[in-house]
Amino acid sequence: MTIRTPPEAVWQTQHLLGSIRRFLDQVEPALEASRDRDVDAFRDRVARESGAIEDSGLLTRMSEIEDEFNELLLPMLAHACLTLLYSAVETQLAAVLGHVRERSGVKLRVSELNGSPVEKAAVYLRKVLGIAITHGSDWQSIRDLELLRNVVVHANARIPDGSKNAAKLRALTLRHSDGLVIRESEGMVAIRIPVRFTRRLLDDAERFFHRLFEAAGLETQFLIEDSAED
């Protein structure tokens, strides 16, 4: 009996991306349930104390609970998942490229190139390893992920209007008008990232790595094979 296993870089990538998906699947419904409990508790209290939910200021407070969820908690969840996803993508891109480099006997390391982690990976894939897969919507999503992560981590998703990244954010929202929202105020540009958009980025990251594994000829499944002697 022979057991064939994927390279460590492959199964770690699968595990990390799967863990982020499970985290999102668990936390988002939990936040929604918490919001519903708060609204229901407030509604019950109002009914007990005043008998009329339409009384002064009460409807406003219920609306504030909804706003806190939509404007604070959900964006925080989206930012957390965005940061986790980028860290996984950056780390595993380097790991997979390192594995392919060692297998191919290439001396140049991806870390020796100039540029951002995603830019270096693109150049390394095309010009060093000869793997032409940095095209398509899934790779564009990885570039978008890098931009959004930098804006979120370094500027709390709010940057000066007229900056290079502000122009990139506007272009990004034009490509994804159903998901991202730009808000402009007092010379600043803020971007709102819905949780569903982080799910889209996660889907695209999984698709890209699947294409990468396939193009590099890497095993992706644990297989048990019967040998002739068995």
Protein backbone atom coordinates (compact mmCIF):
# COMPACT_ATOMS: atom_id res chain seq x y z
CA MET A 1 0.00 0.00 0.00
CA THR A 2 1.30 3.42 -0.97
CA ILE A 3 0.11 6.71 0.54
CA ARG A 4 0.49 9.79 -1.63
CA THR A 5 0.29 13.09 0.21
CA PRO A 6 0.21 16.68 -1.05
CA PRO A 7 3.27 18.86 -0.38
CA GLU A 8 3.15 20.64 2.95
CA ALA A 9 2.67 24.01 1.24
CA VAL A 10 -0.42 22.68 -0.53
CA TRP A 11 -2.26 21.15 2.40
CA GLN A 12 -1.38 24.11 4.63
CA THR A 13 -2.93 26.43 2.04
CA GLN A 14 -6.07 24.33 1.89
CA HIS A 15 -6.26 24.21 5.69
CA LEU A 16 -5.76 27.94 6.20
CA LEU A 17 -8.32 29.01 3.60
CA GLY A 18 -10.78 26.44 4.91
CA SER A 19 -10.28 27.68 8.48
CA ILE A 20 -11.01 31.26 7.45
CA ARG A 21 -14.21 30.13 5.75
CA ARG A 22 -15.31 28.20 8.84
CA PHE A 23 -14.51 31.20 11.05
CA LEU A 24 -16.66 33.45 8.85
CA ASP A 25 -19.47 30.90 8.70
CA GLN A 26 -19.58 30.74 12.50
CA VAL A 27 -19.05 34.37 13.48
CA GLU A 28 -21.39 36.12 11.04
CA PRO A 29 -24.53 34.19 12.14
CA ALA A 30 -23.50 34.64 15.79
CA LEU A 31 -23.34 38.41 15.33
CA GLU A 32 -26.71 38.44 13.59
CA ALA A 33 -28.24 36.38 16.40
CA SER A 34 -26.78 38.79 18.97
CA ARG A 35 -28.30 41.75 17.13
CA ASP A 36 -31.70 40.05 17.02
CA ARG A 37 -31.55 39.30 20.74
CA ASP A 38 -30.71 42.92 21.53
CA VAL A 39 -33.57 44.22 19.40
CA ASP A 40 -36.03 41.73 20.87
CA ALA A 41 -34.93 42.51 24.44
CA PHE A 42 -35.29 46.22 23.83
CA ARG A 43 -38.70 45.72 22.26
CA ASP A 44 -39.88 43.64 25.23
CA ARG A 45 -38.61 46.21 27.71
CA VAL A 46 -40.39 49.02 25.90
CA ALA A 47 -43.61 47.04 25.82
CA ARG A 48 -43.40 46.38 29.56
CA GLU A 49 -42.51 49.92 30.60
CA SER A 50 -44.51 52.07 28.20
CA GLY A 51 -46.90 49.76 26.41
CA ALA A 52 -46.23 51.52 23.13
CA ILE A 53 -43.11 51.06 21.04
CA GLU A 54 -43.88 54.21 19.11
CA ASP A 55 -43.23 56.40 22.17
CA SER A 56 -40.67 59.20 21.98
CA GLY A 57 -37.12 58.15 21.18
CA LEU A 58 -37.76 54.40 21.36
CA LEU A 59 -37.94 53.76 17.65
CA THR A 60 -34.78 55.83 17.30
CA ARG A 61 -32.93 53.61 19.78
CA MET A 62 -34.02 50.47 17.95
CA SER A 63 -32.72 51.98 14.74
CA GLU A 64 -29.43 52.79 16.49
CA ILE A 65 -29.02 49.13 17.45
CA GLU A 66 -29.38 48.17 13.79
CA ASP A 67 -26.97 50.92 12.74
CA GLU A 68 -24.34 49.81 15.27
CA PHE A 69 -24.52 46.32 13.81
CA ASN A 70 -24.34 47.46 10.18
CA GLU A 71 -21.83 50.29 10.60
CA LEU A 72 -19.55 48.91 13.31
CA LEU A 73 -19.72 45.17 13.94
CA LEU A 74 -20.07 43.92 10.36
CA PRO A 75 -17.25 46.15 9.03
CA MET A 76 -15.04 44.96 11.90
CA LEU A 77 -15.76 41.36 10.92
CA ALA A 78 -15.04 42.12 7.27
CA HIS A 79 -11.76 43.83 8.16
CA ALA A 80 -10.70 40.95 10.41
CA CYS A 81 -11.40 38.36 7.71
CA LEU A 82 -9.72 40.52 5.08
CA THR A 83 -6.57 40.73 7.18
CA LEU A 84 -6.59 37.01 7.93
CA LEU A 85 -7.13 36.16 4.28
CA TYR A 86 -4.33 38.39 3.05
CA SER A 87 -1.91 36.96 5.61
CA ALA A 88 -2.80 33.44 4.48
CA VAL A 89 -2.49 34.31 0.78
CA GLU A 90 0.84 36.10 1.20
CA THR A 91 2.33 33.36 3.38
CA GLN A 92 1.15 30.50 1.20
CA LEU A 93 2.12 32.13 -2.07
CA ALA A 94 5.66 32.31 -0.74
CA ALA A 95 5.48 28.73 0.55
CA VAL A 96 4.17 27.26 -2.70
CA LEU A 97 6.63 29.21 -4.83
CA GLY A 98 9.43 28.13 -2.52
CA HIS A 99 8.41 24.49 -2.90
CA VAL A 100 8.30 24.74 -6.70
CA ARG A 101 11.67 26.56 -6.68
CA GLU A 102 13.36 23.81 -4.68
CA ARG A 103 11.82 21.08 -6.82
CA SER A 104 12.96 22.84 -10.00
CA GLY A 105 16.45 23.66 -8.76
CA VAL A 106 16.00 27.40 -9.24
CA LYS A 107 18.45 29.47 -7.19
CA LEU A 108 16.71 32.85 -7.23
CA ARG A 109 14.31 33.31 -4.31
CA VAL A 110 11.08 35.30 -4.58
CA SER A 111 12.21 37.41 -1.61
CA GLU A 112 15.12 38.72 -3.69
CA LEU A 113 12.77 40.53 -6.08
CA ASN A 114 11.50 44.09 -5.65
CA GLY A 115 7.88 45.08 -5.13
CA SER A 116 4.96 44.13 -2.94
CA PRO A 117 4.45 40.46 -2.02
CA VAL A 118 1.78 40.03 -4.71
CA GLU A 119 3.83 41.88 -7.35
CA LYS A 120 6.89 39.76 -6.57
CA ALA A 121 4.83 36.57 -6.81
CA ALA A 122 3.48 37.59 -10.21
CA VAL A 123 6.94 38.31 -11.61
CA TYR A 124 8.38 35.12 -10.11
CA LEU A 125 5.63 32.96 -11.56
CA ARG A 126 5.92 34.41 -15.07
CA LYS A 127 9.60 35.12 -15.51
CA VAL A 128 11.36 32.68 -13.19
CA LEU A 129 9.15 29.61 -13.02
CA GLY A 130 7.48 30.09 -16.40
CA ILE A 131 3.97 29.54 -14.99
CA ALA A 132 1.62 31.89 -16.84
CA ILE A 133 -1.44 32.01 -14.60
CA THR A 134 -1.42 35.61 -13.36
CA HIS A 135 -4.50 36.46 -15.36
CA GLY A 136 -8.22 36.16 -14.87
CA SER A 137 -10.57 37.47 -12.23
CA ASP A 138 -9.17 35.31 -9.42
CA TRP A 139 -5.69 36.82 -9.73
CA GLN A 140 -7.18 40.31 -9.98
CA SER A 141 -9.01 39.61 -6.74
CA ILE A 142 -5.70 38.80 -5.05
CA ARG A 143 -4.35 42.16 -6.20
CA ASP A 144 -7.54 43.81 -4.92
CA LEU A 145 -7.12 41.96 -1.63
CA GLU A 146 -3.63 43.40 -1.21
CA LEU A 147 -4.87 46.94 -1.86
CA LEU A 148 -7.81 46.64 0.53
CA ARG A 149 -5.71 45.04 3.24
CA ASN A 150 -3.17 47.87 3.08
CA VAL A 151 -5.88 50.53 3.22
CA VAL A 152 -7.59 48.82 6.16
CA VAL A 153 -4.46 48.03 8.19
CA HIS A 154 -2.51 51.24 7.57
CA ALA A 155 -5.33 53.78 7.29
CA ASN A 156 -8.42 52.20 8.89
CA ALA A 157 -10.11 52.13 5.44
CA ARG A 158 -9.95 55.94 5.15
CA ILE A 159 -7.38 57.73 2.98
CA PRO A 160 -6.85 61.26 1.58
CA ASP A 161 -8.74 62.08 -1.59
CA GLY A 162 -6.40 62.64 -4.52
CA SER A 163 -3.94 59.99 -3.37
CA LYS A 164 -2.87 57.13 -5.63
CA ASN A 165 -4.75 54.60 -3.55
CA ALA A 166 -7.92 56.71 -3.63
CA ALA A 167 -7.94 56.45 -7.41
CA LYS A 168 -7.37 52.69 -7.14
CA LEU A 169 -10.27 52.36 -4.70
CA ARG A 170 -12.61 54.20 -7.06
CA ALA A 171 -11.58 51.91 -9.90
CA LEU A 172 -12.12 48.93 -7.62
CA THR A 173 -15.65 49.98 -6.68
CA LEU A 174 -16.52 50.43 -10.34
CA ARG A 175 -15.59 46.80 -10.94
CA HIS A 176 -17.57 45.68 -7.88
CA SER A 177 -20.42 48.18 -7.64
CA ASP A 178 -22.66 45.54 -6.03
CA GLY A 179 -20.35 45.08 -3.07
CA LEU A 180 -18.03 47.96 -2.20
CA VAL A 181 -19.16 51.45 -1.27
CA ILE A 182 -17.07 54.64 -1.40
CA ARG A 183 -17.86 57.56 0.90
CA GLU A 184 -16.25 60.97 0.48
CA SER A 185 -16.11 63.62 3.21
CA GLU A 186 -13.79 66.49 4.14
CA GLY A 187 -11.12 65.57 1.66
CA MET A 188 -11.06 61.92 2.69
CA VAL A 189 -12.19 58.77 0.93
CA ALA A 190 -13.53 55.89 3.00
CA ILE A 191 -14.43 52.45 1.70
CA ARG A 192 -17.01 50.16 3.21
CA ILE A 193 -16.32 46.47 2.71
CA PRO A 194 -19.29 44.15 3.19
CA VAL A 195 -18.77 40.68 4.60
CA ARG A 196 -20.12 39.17 1.37
CA PHE A 197 -17.24 40.80 -0.51
CA THR A 198 -14.68 39.11 1.74
CA ARG A 199 -16.40 35.83 0.89
CA ARG A 200 -15.96 36.61 -2.79
CA LEU A 201 -12.26 37.29 -2.26
CA LEU A 202 -11.95 34.00 -0.37
CA ASP A 203 -13.66 32.12 -3.20
CA ASP A 204 -11.29 33.68 -5.73
CA ALA A 205 -8.23 32.92 -3.59
CA GLU A 206 -9.22 29.26 -3.45
CA ARG A 207 -9.75 29.20 -7.22
CA PHE A 208 -6.39 30.80 -7.88
CA PHE A 209 -4.47 28.39 -5.66
CA HIS A 210 -6.27 25.47 -7.31
CA ARG A 211 -5.08 26.74 -10.70
CA LEU A 212 -1.58 27.26 -9.31
CA PHE A 213 -1.37 23.73 -7.92
CA GLU A 214 -2.60 22.33 -11.21
CA ALA A 215 -0.23 24.41 -13.35
CA ALA A 216 2.73 23.46 -11.12
CA GLY A 217 1.80 19.77 -11.17
CA LEU A 218 1.32 19.54 -7.40
CA GLU A 219 -0.71 16.81 -5.74
CA THR A 220 -3.76 18.20 -3.91
CA GLN A 221 -5.30 15.11 -2.31
CA PHE A 222 -4.28 12.38 0.09
CA LEU A 223 -4.44 9.13 -1.86
CA ILE A 224 -4.02 5.53 -0.79
CA GLU A 225 -2.98 3.14 -3.56
CA ASP A 226 -2.66 -0.61 -3.47
CA SER A 227 0.75 -1.78 -4.59
CA ALA A 228 1.27 -4.84 -6.81
CA GLU A 229 2.80 -6.79 -3.90
CA ASP A 230 -0.32 -6.22 -1.78
